[in-house]
Amino acid sequence: GGAWWGAFTVRDGIITLATNEPASKLYRLTGSVPEQVFTNNTRRIEGIEQADGYYLLVDGDGQVLKTADFASFEPIYHGAVRATDVTAQADRIGG
């Protein structure tokens, strides 16, 4: 059971899922039992992508954010479009 609506990313056969809540819960799916990870997250995640040890995410505020731990976030793009999904080419993610 549970509310599994949300965004997800797949990297190296591991699914990371962000639930669709005011503060998304994040789960790593590697088997039959989901493991909650990054319990300190306070953002609603509408789109997520994992690459090179970082995650990119959008929360509907017109920014693309970069994080490794979901405690601190670095804005890497800001625009007028309130994106609900994000993707990246791994060799283009910089600081």
Protein backbone atom coordinates (compact mmCIF):
# COMPACT_ATOMS: atom_id res chain seq x y z
CA GLY A 1 0.00 0.00 0.00
CA GLY A 2 0.91 3.64 0.13
CA ALA A 3 0.72 6.73 -2.03
CA TRP A 4 3.29 6.11 -4.76
CA TRP A 5 2.42 9.06 -7.01
CA GLY A 6 5.50 11.11 -7.75
CA ALA A 7 8.67 11.47 -9.76
CA PHE A 8 11.43 8.92 -10.15
CA THR A 9 14.86 8.43 -11.63
CA VAL A 10 16.73 5.24 -12.56
CA ARG A 11 20.52 4.98 -12.34
CA ASP A 12 22.55 1.75 -12.46
CA GLY A 13 19.37 -0.28 -12.02
CA ILE A 14 18.36 1.53 -8.82
CA ILE A 15 15.12 3.50 -8.73
CA THR A 16 14.90 6.61 -6.55
CA LEU A 17 11.33 7.76 -6.04
CA ALA A 18 10.11 11.12 -4.71
CA THR A 19 6.50 11.09 -3.51
CA ASN A 20 4.06 13.82 -4.51
CA GLU A 21 3.61 15.57 -1.15
CA PRO A 22 4.33 19.11 0.15
CA ALA A 23 7.65 17.70 1.46
CA SER A 24 8.42 14.74 -0.80
CA LYS A 25 9.54 11.52 0.83
CA LEU A 26 12.38 9.82 -1.02
CA TYR A 27 12.73 6.07 -1.38
CA ARG A 28 15.36 3.83 -2.94
CA LEU A 29 13.86 0.78 -4.61
CA THR A 30 16.35 -2.06 -4.95
CA GLY A 31 14.16 -5.00 -4.01
CA SER A 32 10.67 -5.68 -2.82
CA VAL A 33 10.85 -3.36 0.22
CA PRO A 34 11.32 0.40 -0.36
CA GLU A 35 14.03 2.05 1.77
CA GLN A 36 13.37 5.64 2.83
CA VAL A 37 16.41 7.85 2.19
CA PHE A 38 17.22 11.55 2.60
CA THR A 39 14.70 11.97 5.41
CA ASN A 40 15.81 15.60 5.88
CA ASN A 41 14.21 16.73 2.58
CA THR A 42 11.78 19.65 2.98
CA ARG A 43 10.95 20.35 -0.69
CA ARG A 44 8.18 19.14 -2.93
CA ILE A 45 9.92 17.38 -5.82
CA GLU A 46 8.09 17.43 -9.15
CA GLY A 47 10.96 16.14 -11.27
CA ILE A 48 14.22 14.38 -10.39
CA GLU A 49 17.32 13.14 -12.23
CA GLN A 50 20.43 11.48 -10.82
CA ALA A 51 23.89 11.87 -12.35
CA ASP A 52 27.49 11.62 -11.11
CA GLY A 53 26.69 11.57 -7.38
CA TYR A 54 24.25 14.48 -7.56
CA TYR A 55 20.56 14.89 -8.06
CA LEU A 56 18.89 17.56 -10.16
CA LEU A 57 15.36 18.48 -9.22
CA VAL A 58 12.57 20.89 -9.95
CA ASP A 59 9.88 21.90 -7.50
CA GLY A 60 7.68 24.02 -9.77
CA ASP A 61 9.25 27.37 -8.81
CA GLY A 62 11.12 27.97 -12.09
CA GLN A 63 14.49 26.71 -10.83
CA VAL A 64 16.57 23.63 -11.47
CA LEU A 65 18.36 22.72 -8.25
CA LYS A 66 21.39 20.52 -7.64
CA THR A 67 21.88 18.54 -4.41
CA ALA A 68 23.84 15.60 -3.08
CA ASP A 69 22.09 15.31 0.29
CA PHE A 70 18.67 17.04 0.05
CA ALA A 71 19.72 19.31 2.93
CA SER A 72 21.44 21.98 0.82
CA PHE A 73 20.48 23.01 -2.70
CA GLU A 74 22.37 24.92 -5.38
CA PRO A 75 20.29 26.66 -8.05
CA ILE A 76 21.81 25.97 -11.47
CA TYR A 77 19.05 27.46 -13.62
CA HIS A 78 16.26 29.95 -13.09
CA GLY A 79 13.67 30.91 -15.67
CA ALA A 80 10.08 31.86 -16.24
CA VAL A 81 9.00 28.28 -16.98
CA ARG A 82 7.74 26.38 -13.95
CA ALA A 83 9.14 23.01 -15.01
CA THR A 84 7.72 19.78 -13.66
CA ASP A 85 10.46 17.49 -14.98
CA VAL A 86 14.21 17.61 -15.43
CA THR A 87 16.87 15.64 -17.27
CA ALA A 88 20.54 16.20 -17.92
CA GLN A 89 23.47 14.97 -19.87
CA ALA A 90 25.85 13.63 -17.19
CA ASP A 91 29.00 15.22 -18.61
CA ARG A 92 27.36 18.67 -18.60
CA ILE A 93 26.48 18.89 -14.91
CA GLY A 94 28.82 21.38 -13.34
CA GLY A 95 29.07 23.61 -10.38
